[in-house]
Amino acid sequence: MFYKKDNTPHKTAREGVHFKTLVHGQNTSLHEFRLDSGSVIPIHSHPHEQTGYMVSGRMHFVLQDRKIFVERGDSWCIPGNMEHGVEVMEDSVVIEVFSPVRKEYLD
């Protein structure tokens, strides 16, 4: 599967959190997220391993009892089933890979 950049709009996952699925295979899916400044993704967990790269912006990840600051150029890998959340400090663009595929993010 290939993805060619187009003007397909991002979907809204929750207020301030917009995503577009770029490609997916049998084991992984790749997504672009656009996160509005001030938005919050509450503490949650899912069975998917989540690997990401911060294209632009600034955020705090909340993992267990820690707050981890991330900015442009930073990356992360969160194991499946680990509780985590996000506080967005400025408009941000993030690319993330999930394994297994996040089927609820597919068209």
PDB file of N, CA and C in Angstrom:
ATOM      1  N   MET A   1       0.849  -1.173   0.000  1.00  0.00           N
ATOM      2  CA  MET A   1       0.000   0.000   0.000  1.00  0.00           C
ATOM      3  C   MET A   1       0.893   1.233   0.000  1.00  0.00           C
ATOM      4  N   PHE A   2       0.517   2.224  -0.777  1.00  0.00           N
ATOM      5  CA  PHE A   2       1.242   3.492  -0.835  1.00  0.00           C
ATOM      6  C   PHE A   2       0.261   4.617  -0.550  1.00  0.00           C
ATOM      7  N   TYR A   3       0.767   5.687  -0.014  1.00  0.00           N
ATOM      8  CA  TYR A   3      -0.032   6.876   0.223  1.00  0.00           C
ATOM      9  C   TYR A   3       0.618   8.039  -0.501  1.00  0.00           C
ATOM     10  N   LYS A   4      -0.142   8.710  -1.331  1.00  0.00           N
ATOM     11  CA  LYS A   4       0.320   9.923  -2.007  1.00  0.00           C
ATOM     12  C   LYS A   4      -0.391  11.092  -1.341  1.00  0.00           C
ATOM     13  N   LYS A   5       0.385  12.092  -0.934  1.00  0.00           N
ATOM     14  CA  LYS A   5      -0.190  13.241  -0.254  1.00  0.00           C
ATOM     15  C   LYS A   5      -1.364  13.798  -1.046  1.00  0.00           C
ATOM     16  N   ASP A   6      -2.456  14.059  -0.340  1.00  0.00           N
ATOM     17  CA  ASP A   6      -3.643  14.626  -0.968  1.00  0.00           C
ATOM     18  C   ASP A   6      -4.310  15.586   0.011  1.00  0.00           C
ATOM     19  N   ASN A   7      -5.453  16.079  -0.364  1.00  0.00           N
ATOM     20  CA  ASN A   7      -6.160  17.039   0.484  1.00  0.00           C
ATOM     21  C   ASN A   7      -7.299  16.406   1.270  1.00  0.00           C
ATOM     22  N   THR A   8      -7.265  15.083   1.440  1.00  0.00           N
ATOM     23  CA  THR A   8      -8.279  14.414   2.238  1.00  0.00           C
ATOM     24  C   THR A   8      -8.247  15.006   3.644  1.00  0.00           C
ATOM     25  N   PRO A   9      -9.395  15.410   4.165  1.00  0.00           N
ATOM     26  CA  PRO A   9      -9.391  16.027   5.492  1.00  0.00           C
ATOM     27  C   PRO A   9      -9.070  15.018   6.598  1.00  0.00           C
ATOM     28  N   HIS A  10      -8.531  15.536   7.688  1.00  0.00           N
ATOM     29  CA  HIS A  10      -8.297  14.723   8.875  1.00  0.00           C
ATOM     30  C   HIS A  10      -9.645  14.451   9.551  1.00  0.00           C
ATOM     31  N   LYS A  11      -9.742  13.312  10.214  1.00  0.00           N
ATOM     32  CA  LYS A  11     -10.922  12.986  11.013  1.00  0.00           C
ATOM     33  C   LYS A  11     -10.687  13.502  12.432  1.00  0.00           C
ATOM     34  N   THR A  12     -11.751  13.759  13.146  1.00  0.00           N
ATOM     35  CA  THR A  12     -11.630  14.227  14.523  1.00  0.00           C
ATOM     36  C   THR A  12     -11.849  13.046  15.466  1.00  0.00           C
ATOM     37  N   ALA A  13     -10.830  12.733  16.258  1.00  0.00           N
ATOM     38  CA  ALA A  13     -10.925  11.649  17.234  1.00  0.00           C
ATOM     39  C   ALA A  13     -11.603  12.143  18.508  1.00  0.00           C
ATOM     40  N   ARG A  14     -11.300  13.384  18.874  1.00  0.00           N
ATOM     41  CA  ARG A  14     -11.888  14.078  20.025  1.00  0.00           C
ATOM     42  C   ARG A  14     -11.587  15.546  19.840  1.00  0.00           C
ATOM     43  N   GLU A  15     -12.163  16.402  20.616  1.00  0.00           N
ATOM     44  CA  GLU A  15     -11.936  17.831  20.455  1.00  0.00           C
ATOM     45  C   GLU A  15     -10.442  18.143  20.490  1.00  0.00           C
ATOM     46  N   GLY A  16      -9.959  18.798  19.442  1.00  0.00           N
ATOM     47  CA  GLY A  16      -8.553  19.196  19.372  1.00  0.00           C
ATOM     48  C   GLY A  16      -7.598  18.131  18.880  1.00  0.00           C
ATOM     49  N   VAL A  17      -8.112  16.941  18.563  1.00  0.00           N
ATOM     50  CA  VAL A  17      -7.268  15.820  18.123  1.00  0.00           C
ATOM     51  C   VAL A  17      -7.789  15.316  16.776  1.00  0.00           C
ATOM     52  N   HIS A  18      -6.978  15.513  15.725  1.00  0.00           N
ATOM     53  CA  HIS A  18      -7.378  15.171  14.365  1.00  0.00           C
ATOM     54  C   HIS A  18      -6.338  14.215  13.776  1.00  0.00           C
ATOM     55  N   PHE A  19      -6.801  13.239  13.013  1.00  0.00           N
ATOM     56  CA  PHE A  19      -5.865  12.243  12.475  1.00  0.00           C
ATOM     57  C   PHE A  19      -6.229  11.854  11.054  1.00  0.00           C
ATOM     58  N   LYS A  20      -5.219  11.327  10.391  1.00  0.00           N
ATOM     59  CA  LYS A  20      -5.385  10.778   9.050  1.00  0.00           C
ATOM     60  C   LYS A  20      -4.563   9.494   9.013  1.00  0.00           C
ATOM     61  N   THR A  21      -5.183   8.395   8.588  1.00  0.00           N
ATOM     62  CA  THR A  21      -4.443   7.156   8.389  1.00  0.00           C
ATOM     63  C   THR A  21      -3.716   7.275   7.057  1.00  0.00           C
ATOM     64  N   LEU A  22      -2.405   7.079   7.093  1.00  0.00           N
ATOM     65  CA  LEU A  22      -1.598   7.194   5.876  1.00  0.00           C
ATOM     66  C   LEU A  22      -1.515   5.860   5.159  1.00  0.00           C
ATOM     67  N   VAL A  23      -1.022   4.832   5.829  1.00  0.00           N
ATOM     68  CA  VAL A  23      -0.958   3.476   5.259  1.00  0.00           C
ATOM     69  C   VAL A  23      -1.098   2.460   6.391  1.00  0.00           C
ATOM     70  N   HIS A  24      -1.389   1.225   6.000  1.00  0.00           N
ATOM     71  CA  HIS A  24      -1.421   0.126   6.967  1.00  0.00           C
ATOM     72  C   HIS A  24      -1.118  -1.172   6.246  1.00  0.00           C
ATOM     73  N   GLY A  25      -0.609  -2.109   7.006  1.00  0.00           N
ATOM     74  CA  GLY A  25      -0.344  -3.441   6.496  1.00  0.00           C
ATOM     75  C   GLY A  25      -1.034  -4.445   7.384  1.00  0.00           C
ATOM     76  N   GLN A  26      -0.505  -5.655   7.434  1.00  0.00           N
ATOM     77  CA  GLN A  26      -1.111  -6.677   8.287  1.00  0.00           C
ATOM     78  C   GLN A  26      -0.791  -6.454   9.758  1.00  0.00           C
ATOM     79  N   ASN A  27       0.374  -5.849  10.071  1.00  0.00           N
ATOM     80  CA  ASN A  27       0.817  -5.759  11.455  1.00  0.00           C
ATOM     81  C   ASN A  27       0.965  -4.340  11.998  1.00  0.00           C
ATOM     82  N   THR A  28       1.012  -3.344  11.123  1.00  0.00           N
ATOM     83  CA  THR A  28       1.231  -1.972  11.571  1.00  0.00           C
ATOM     84  C   THR A  28       0.319  -1.004  10.825  1.00  0.00           C
ATOM     85  N   SER A  29       0.087   0.140  11.465  1.00  0.00           N
ATOM     86  CA  SER A  29      -0.624   1.231  10.795  1.00  0.00           C
ATOM     87  C   SER A  29       0.107   2.532  11.102  1.00  0.00           C
ATOM     88  N   LEU A  30       0.120   3.440  10.118  1.00  0.00           N
ATOM     89  CA  LEU A  30       0.850   4.708  10.204  1.00  0.00           C
ATOM     90  C   LEU A  30      -0.156   5.849  10.107  1.00  0.00           C
ATOM     91  N   HIS A  31      -0.069   6.809  11.058  1.00  0.00           N
ATOM     92  CA  HIS A  31      -1.055   7.876  11.148  1.00  0.00           C
ATOM     93  C   HIS A  31      -0.379   9.219  11.360  1.00  0.00           C
ATOM     94  N   GLU A  32      -0.999  10.262  10.815  1.00  0.00           N
ATOM     95  CA  GLU A  32      -0.587  11.633  11.094  1.00  0.00           C
ATOM     96  C   GLU A  32      -1.635  12.237  12.027  1.00  0.00           C
ATOM     97  N   PHE A  33      -1.165  12.831  13.125  1.00  0.00           N
ATOM     98  CA  PHE A  33      -2.046  13.495  14.079  1.00  0.00           C
ATOM     99  C   PHE A  33      -1.752  14.986  14.082  1.00  0.00           C
ATOM    100  N   ARG A  34      -2.797  15.779  14.102  1.00  0.00           N
ATOM    101  CA  ARG A  34      -2.694  17.228  14.281  1.00  0.00           C
ATOM    102  C   ARG A  34      -3.422  17.539  15.577  1.00  0.00           C
ATOM    103  N   LEU A  35      -2.683  18.093  16.518  1.00  0.00           N
ATOM    104  CA  LEU A  35      -3.195  18.312  17.867  1.00  0.00           C
ATOM    105  C   LEU A  35      -3.228  19.811  18.162  1.00  0.00           C
ATOM    106  N   ASP A  36      -4.377  20.303  18.582  1.00  0.00           N
ATOM    107  CA  ASP A  36      -4.540  21.720  18.864  1.00  0.00           C
ATOM    108  C   ASP A  36      -3.979  22.070  20.233  1.00  0.00           C
ATOM    109  N   SER A  37      -3.352  23.228  20.313  1.00  0.00           N
ATOM    110  CA  SER A  37      -2.827  23.727  21.584  1.00  0.00           C
ATOM    111  C   SER A  37      -3.927  23.709  22.644  1.00  0.00           C
ATOM    112  N   GLY A  38      -3.587  23.232  23.837  1.00  0.00           N
ATOM    113  CA  GLY A  38      -4.540  23.180  24.945  1.00  0.00           C
ATOM    114  C   GLY A  38      -5.371  21.922  25.002  1.00  0.00           C
ATOM    115  N   SER A  39      -5.321  21.093  23.962  1.00  0.00           N
ATOM    116  CA  SER A  39      -6.110  19.862  23.998  1.00  0.00           C
ATOM    117  C   SER A  39      -5.447  18.833  24.907  1.00  0.00           C
ATOM    118  N   VAL A  40      -6.275  17.922  25.401  1.00  0.00           N
ATOM    119  CA  VAL A  40      -5.820  16.887  26.331  1.00  0.00           C
ATOM    120  C   VAL A  40      -6.352  15.545  25.853  1.00  0.00           C
ATOM    121  N   ILE A  41      -5.467  14.560  25.827  1.00  0.00           N
ATOM    122  CA  ILE A  41      -5.884  13.175  25.609  1.00  0.00           C
ATOM    123  C   ILE A  41      -5.812  12.524  26.978  1.00  0.00           C
ATOM    124  N   PRO A  42      -6.960  12.169  27.561  1.00  0.00           N
ATOM    125  CA  PRO A  42      -6.970  11.640  28.928  1.00  0.00           C
ATOM    126  C   PRO A  42      -6.172  10.339  29.057  1.00  0.00           C
ATOM    127  N   ILE A  43      -5.811  10.030  30.270  1.00  0.00           N
ATOM    128  CA  ILE A  43      -5.113   8.773  30.567  1.00  0.00           C
ATOM    129  C   ILE A  43      -5.946   7.613  30.021  1.00  0.00           C
ATOM    130  N   HIS A  44      -5.278   6.751  29.259  1.00  0.00           N
ATOM    131  CA  HIS A  44      -5.931   5.589  28.662  1.00  0.00           C
ATOM    132  C   HIS A  44      -4.870   4.531  28.376  1.00  0.00           C
ATOM    133  N   SER A  45      -5.311   3.379  27.958  1.00  0.00           N
ATOM    134  CA  SER A  45      -4.386   2.336  27.496  1.00  0.00           C
ATOM    135  C   SER A  45      -5.058   1.581  26.359  1.00  0.00           C
ATOM    136  N   HIS A  46      -4.239   0.895  25.586  1.00  0.00           N
ATOM    137  CA  HIS A  46      -4.723   0.068  24.489  1.00  0.00           C
ATOM    138  C   HIS A  46      -3.681  -1.021  24.257  1.00  0.00           C
ATOM    139  N   PRO A  47      -4.050  -2.105  23.602  1.00  0.00           N
ATOM    140  CA  PRO A  47      -3.102  -3.211  23.436  1.00  0.00           C
ATOM    141  C   PRO A  47      -1.993  -2.924  22.420  1.00  0.00           C
ATOM    142  N   HIS A  48      -2.086  -1.817  21.701  1.00  0.00           N
ATOM    143  CA  HIS A  48      -1.145  -1.506  20.631  1.00  0.00           C
ATOM    144  C   HIS A  48       0.139  -0.875  21.151  1.00  0.00           C
ATOM    145  N   GLU A  49       1.282  -1.357  20.669  1.00  0.00           N
ATOM    146  CA  GLU A  49       2.533  -0.635  20.865  1.00  0.00           C
ATOM    147  C   GLU A  49       2.433   0.632  20.017  1.00  0.00           C
ATOM    148  N   GLN A  50       2.911   1.765  20.560  1.00  0.00           N
ATOM    149  CA  GLN A  50       2.744   3.066  19.908  1.00  0.00           C
ATOM    150  C   GLN A  50       4.110   3.733  19.781  1.00  0.00           C
ATOM    151  N   THR A  51       4.575   3.893  18.555  1.00  0.00           N
ATOM    152  CA  THR A  51       5.872   4.518  18.293  1.00  0.00           C
ATOM    153  C   THR A  51       5.613   5.809  17.534  1.00  0.00           C
ATOM    154  N   GLY A  52       6.210   6.915  18.016  1.00  0.00           N
ATOM    155  CA  GLY A  52       5.901   8.199  17.401  1.00  0.00           C
ATOM    156  C   GLY A  52       7.100   9.090  17.191  1.00  0.00           C
ATOM    157  N   TYR A  53       6.883  10.108  16.336  1.00  0.00           N
ATOM    158  CA  TYR A  53       7.888  11.125  16.022  1.00  0.00           C
ATOM    159  C   TYR A  53       7.193  12.482  16.001  1.00  0.00           C
ATOM    160  N   MET A  54       7.770  13.443  16.701  1.00  0.00           N
ATOM    161  CA  MET A  54       7.209  14.789  16.792  1.00  0.00           C
ATOM    162  C   MET A  54       7.734  15.643  15.646  1.00  0.00           C
ATOM    163  N   VAL A  55       6.883  15.933  14.680  1.00  0.00           N
ATOM    164  CA  VAL A  55       7.253  16.736  13.516  1.00  0.00           C
ATOM    165  C   VAL A  55       7.355  18.204  13.917  1.00  0.00           C
ATOM    166  N   SER A  56       6.378  18.673  14.678  1.00  0.00           N
ATOM    167  CA  SER A  56       6.391  20.059  15.142  1.00  0.00           C
ATOM    168  C   SER A  56       5.532  20.167  16.391  1.00  0.00           C
ATOM    169  N   GLY A  57       5.803  21.197  17.189  1.00  0.00           N
ATOM    170  CA  GLY A  57       4.998  21.443  18.377  1.00  0.00           C
ATOM    171  C   GLY A  57       5.691  21.060  19.667  1.00  0.00           C
ATOM    172  N   ARG A  58       4.897  21.098  20.741  1.00  0.00           N
ATOM    173  CA  ARG A  58       5.381  20.739  22.080  1.00  0.00           C
ATOM    174  C   ARG A  58       4.231  20.099  22.852  1.00  0.00           C
ATOM    175  N   MET A  59       4.548  19.004  23.574  1.00  0.00           N
ATOM    176  CA  MET A  59       3.541  18.283  24.356  1.00  0.00           C
ATOM    177  C   MET A  59       4.191  17.716  25.615  1.00  0.00           C
ATOM    178  N   HIS A  60       3.338  17.349  26.558  1.00  0.00           N
ATOM    179  CA  HIS A  60       3.744  16.554  27.707  1.00  0.00           C
ATOM    180  C   HIS A  60       3.034  15.211  27.605  1.00  0.00           C
ATOM    181  N   PHE A  61       3.802  14.134  27.660  1.00  0.00           N
ATOM    182  CA  PHE A  61       3.215  12.813  27.846  1.00  0.00           C
ATOM    183  C   PHE A  61       3.100  12.584  29.342  1.00  0.00           C
ATOM    184  N   VAL A  62       2.011  11.980  29.756  1.00  0.00           N
ATOM    185  CA  VAL A  62       1.827  11.593  31.147  1.00  0.00           C
ATOM    186  C   VAL A  62       1.857  10.074  31.164  1.00  0.00           C
ATOM    187  N   LEU A  63       2.897   9.509  31.803  1.00  0.00           N
ATOM    188  CA  LEU A  63       3.091   8.060  31.887  1.00  0.00           C
ATOM    189  C   LEU A  63       3.252   7.691  33.349  1.00  0.00           C
ATOM    190  N   GLN A  64       2.301   6.933  33.857  1.00  0.00           N
ATOM    191  CA  GLN A  64       2.317   6.551  35.263  1.00  0.00           C
ATOM    192  C   GLN A  64       2.458   7.818  36.102  1.00  0.00           C
ATOM    193  N   ASP A  65       3.514   7.978  36.882  1.00  0.00           N
ATOM    194  CA  ASP A  65       3.681   9.159  37.735  1.00  0.00           C
ATOM    195  C   ASP A  65       4.626  10.183  37.126  1.00  0.00           C
ATOM    196  N   ARG A  66       4.914  10.084  35.837  1.00  0.00           N
ATOM    197  CA  ARG A  66       5.896  10.969  35.196  1.00  0.00           C
ATOM    198  C   ARG A  66       5.246  11.828  34.125  1.00  0.00           C
ATOM    199  N   LYS A  67       5.787  13.028  33.960  1.00  0.00           N
ATOM    200  CA  LYS A  67       5.428  13.906  32.845  1.00  0.00           C
ATOM    201  C   LYS A  67       6.680  14.053  32.012  1.00  0.00           C
ATOM    202  N   ILE A  68       6.587  13.726  30.725  1.00  0.00           N
ATOM    203  CA  ILE A  68       7.751  13.764  29.846  1.00  0.00           C
ATOM    204  C   ILE A  68       7.500  14.797  28.755  1.00  0.00           C
ATOM    205  N   PHE A  69       8.361  15.799  28.687  1.00  0.00           N
ATOM    206  CA  PHE A  69       8.252  16.871  27.705  1.00  0.00           C
ATOM    207  C   PHE A  69       8.810  16.386  26.374  1.00  0.00           C
ATOM    208  N   VAL A  70       8.056  16.601  25.281  1.00  0.00           N
ATOM    209  CA  VAL A  70       8.544  16.280  23.943  1.00  0.00           C
ATOM    210  C   VAL A  70       8.356  17.496  23.038  1.00  0.00           C
ATOM    211  N   GLU A  71       9.309  17.648  22.116  1.00  0.00           N
ATOM    212  CA  GLU A  71       9.261  18.746  21.159  1.00  0.00           C
ATOM    213  C   GLU A  71       9.771  18.242  19.811  1.00  0.00           C
ATOM    214  N   ARG A  72       9.787  19.140  18.829  1.00  0.00           N
ATOM    215  CA  ARG A  72      10.174  18.790  17.460  1.00  0.00           C
ATOM    216  C   ARG A  72      11.451  17.942  17.444  1.00  0.00           C
ATOM    217  N   GLY A  73      11.402  16.836  16.717  1.00  0.00           N
ATOM    218  CA  GLY A  73      12.553  15.950  16.579  1.00  0.00           C
ATOM    219  C   GLY A  73      12.605  14.818  17.585  1.00  0.00           C
ATOM    220  N   ASP A  74      11.778  14.875  18.646  1.00  0.00           N
ATOM    221  CA  ASP A  74      11.775  13.808  19.653  1.00  0.00           C
ATOM    222  C   ASP A  74      10.937  12.623  19.172  1.00  0.00           C
ATOM    223  N   SER A  75      11.203  11.450  19.730  1.00  0.00           N
ATOM    224  CA  SER A  75      10.438  10.254  19.395  1.00  0.00           C
ATOM    225  C   SER A  75      10.208   9.425  20.646  1.00  0.00           C
ATOM    226  N   TRP A  76       9.322   8.435  20.557  1.00  0.00           N
ATOM    227  CA  TRP A  76       8.948   7.625  21.708  1.00  0.00           C
ATOM    228  C   TRP A  76       8.418   6.278  21.250  1.00  0.00           C
ATOM    229  N   CYS A  77       8.397   5.357  22.191  1.00  0.00           N
ATOM    230  CA  CYS A  77       7.753   4.056  21.987  1.00  0.00           C
ATOM    231  C   CYS A  77       7.086   3.686  23.308  1.00  0.00           C
ATOM    232  N   ILE A  78       5.778   3.540  23.277  1.00  0.00           N
ATOM    233  CA  ILE A  78       4.999   3.213  24.467  1.00  0.00           C
ATOM    234  C   ILE A  78       4.509   1.775  24.313  1.00  0.00           C
ATOM    235  N   PRO A  79       4.859   0.905  25.256  1.00  0.00           N
ATOM    236  CA  PRO A  79       4.418  -0.489  25.158  1.00  0.00           C
ATOM    237  C   PRO A  79       2.896  -0.606  25.202  1.00  0.00           C
ATOM    238  N   GLY A  80       2.374  -1.656  24.602  1.00  0.00           N
ATOM    239  CA  GLY A  80       0.944  -1.928  24.679  1.00  0.00           C
ATOM    240  C   GLY A  80       0.505  -2.063  26.127  1.00  0.00           C
ATOM    241  N   ASN A  81      -0.711  -1.634  26.408  1.00  0.00           N
ATOM    242  CA  ASN A  81      -1.357  -1.726  27.722  1.00  0.00           C
ATOM    243  C   ASN A  81      -0.775  -0.802  28.782  1.00  0.00           C
ATOM    244  N   MET A  82       0.167   0.075  28.420  1.00  0.00           N
ATOM    245  CA  MET A  82       0.690   1.036  29.396  1.00  0.00           C
ATOM    246  C   MET A  82      -0.220   2.265  29.414  1.00  0.00           C
ATOM    247  N   GLU A  83      -0.641   2.676  30.602  1.00  0.00           N
ATOM    248  CA  GLU A  83      -1.479   3.865  30.708  1.00  0.00           C
ATOM    249  C   GLU A  83      -0.669   5.104  30.368  1.00  0.00           C
ATOM    250  N   HIS A  84      -1.289   5.982  29.576  1.00  0.00           N
ATOM    251  CA  HIS A  84      -0.626   7.215  29.154  1.00  0.00           C
ATOM    252  C   HIS A  84      -1.670   8.238  28.725  1.00  0.00           C
ATOM    253  N   GLY A  85      -1.257   9.490  28.709  1.00  0.00           N
ATOM    254  CA  GLY A  85      -2.107  10.579  28.257  1.00  0.00           C
ATOM    255  C   GLY A  85      -1.213  11.666  27.681  1.00  0.00           C
ATOM    256  N   VAL A  86      -1.819  12.731  27.144  1.00  0.00           N
ATOM    257  CA  VAL A  86      -1.056  13.799  26.510  1.00  0.00           C
ATOM    258  C   VAL A  86      -1.697  15.145  26.842  1.00  0.00           C
ATOM    259  N   GLU A  87      -0.842  16.128  27.127  1.00  0.00           N
ATOM    260  CA  GLU A  87      -1.260  17.521  27.261  1.00  0.00           C
ATOM    261  C   GLU A  87      -0.525  18.293  26.170  1.00  0.00           C
ATOM    262  N   VAL A  88      -1.271  18.930  25.272  1.00  0.00           N
ATOM    263  CA  VAL A  88      -0.683  19.613  24.126  1.00  0.00           C
ATOM    264  C   VAL A  88      -0.426  21.073  24.491  1.00  0.00           C
ATOM    265  N   MET A  89       0.833  21.488  24.413  1.00  0.00           N
ATOM    266  CA  MET A  89       1.241  22.831  24.824  1.00  0.00           C
ATOM    267  C   MET A  89       1.182  23.840  23.679  1.00  0.00           C
ATOM    268  N   GLU A  90       1.347  23.392  22.441  1.00  0.00           N
ATOM    269  CA  GLU A  90       1.176  24.246  21.264  1.00  0.00           C
ATOM    270  C   GLU A  90       0.758  23.364  20.111  1.00  0.00           C
ATOM    271  N   ASP A  91       0.166  23.968  19.073  1.00  0.00           N
ATOM    272  CA  ASP A  91      -0.258  23.178  17.919  1.00  0.00           C
ATOM    273  C   ASP A  91       0.872  22.235  17.519  1.00  0.00           C
ATOM    274  N   SER A  92       0.530  20.967  17.308  1.00  0.00           N
ATOM    275  CA  SER A  92       1.550  19.941  17.077  1.00  0.00           C
ATOM    276  C   SER A  92       1.155  19.016  15.935  1.00  0.00           C
ATOM    277  N   VAL A  93       2.172  18.483  15.265  1.00  0.00           N
ATOM    278  CA  VAL A  93       1.993  17.444  14.249  1.00  0.00           C
ATOM    279  C   VAL A  93       2.854  16.263  14.666  1.00  0.00           C
ATOM    280  N   VAL A  94       2.240  15.090  14.710  1.00  0.00           N
ATOM    281  CA  VAL A  94       2.900  13.868  15.174  1.00  0.00           C
ATOM    282  C   VAL A  94       2.638  12.761  14.158  1.00  0.00           C
ATOM    283  N   ILE A  95       3.642  11.942  13.892  1.00  0.00           N
ATOM    284  CA  ILE A  95       3.489  10.735  13.081  1.00  0.00           C
ATOM    285  C   ILE A  95       3.633   9.544  14.021  1.00  0.00           C
ATOM    286  N   GLU A  96       2.665   8.619  13.977  1.00  0.00           N
ATOM    287  CA  GLU A  96       2.728   7.464  14.874  1.00  0.00           C
ATOM    288  C   GLU A  96       2.434   6.162  14.129  1.00  0.00           C
ATOM    289  N   VAL A  97       3.125   5.118  14.600  1.00  0.00           N
ATOM    290  CA  VAL A  97       2.928   3.748  14.114  1.00  0.00           C
ATOM    291  C   VAL A  97       2.331   2.946  15.258  1.00  0.00           C
ATOM    292  N   PHE A  98       1.303   2.165  14.957  1.00  0.00           N
ATOM    293  CA  PHE A  98       0.697   1.279  15.946  1.00  0.00           C
ATOM    294  C   PHE A  98       0.839  -0.163  15.482  1.00  0.00           C
ATOM    295  N   SER A  99       1.120  -1.045  16.431  1.00  0.00           N
ATOM    296  CA  SER A  99       1.180  -2.476  16.163  1.00  0.00           C
ATOM    297  C   SER A  99       0.525  -3.210  17.329  1.00  0.00           C
ATOM    298  N   PRO A 100      -0.491  -4.036  17.062  1.00  0.00           N
ATOM    299  CA  PRO A 100      -1.059  -4.316  15.755  1.00  0.00           C
ATOM    300  C   PRO A 100      -1.824  -3.100  15.201  1.00  0.00           C
ATOM    301  N   VAL A 101      -2.369  -3.257  14.023  1.00  0.00           N
ATOM    302  CA  VAL A 101      -3.096  -2.193  13.328  1.00  0.00           C
ATOM    303  C   VAL A 101      -4.210  -1.639  14.210  1.00  0.00           C
ATOM    304  N   ARG A 102      -4.352  -0.309  14.256  1.00  0.00           N
ATOM    305  CA  ARG A 102      -5.481   0.332  14.943  1.00  0.00           C
ATOM    306  C   ARG A 102      -6.668   0.312  13.996  1.00  0.00           C
ATOM    307  N   LYS A 103      -7.421  -0.769  14.011  1.00  0.00           N
ATOM    308  CA  LYS A 103      -8.518  -0.952  13.059  1.00  0.00           C
ATOM    309  C   LYS A 103      -9.575   0.128  13.179  1.00  0.00           C
ATOM    310  N   GLU A 104      -9.758   0.685  14.381  1.00  0.00           N
ATOM    311  CA  GLU A 104     -10.777   1.724  14.539  1.00  0.00           C
ATOM    312  C   GLU A 104     -10.388   3.027  13.845  1.00  0.00           C
ATOM    313  N   TYR A 105      -9.106   3.155  13.435  1.00  0.00           N
ATOM    314  CA  TYR A 105      -8.640   4.345  12.714  1.00  0.00           C
ATOM    315  C   TYR A 105      -8.702   4.164  11.198  1.00  0.00           C
ATOM    316  N   LEU A 106      -9.039   2.977  10.723  1.00  0.00           N
ATOM    317  CA  LEU A 106      -9.097   2.733   9.282  1.00  0.00           C
ATOM    318  C   LEU A 106     -10.425   3.224   8.736  1.00  0.00           C
ATOM    319  N   ASP A 107     -10.439   3.552   7.453  1.00  0.00           N
ATOM    320  CA  ASP A 107     -11.687   4.012   6.814  1.00  0.00           C
ATOM    321  C   ASP A 107     -12.693   2.896   6.732  1.00  0.00           C
TER     322      ASP A 107
END
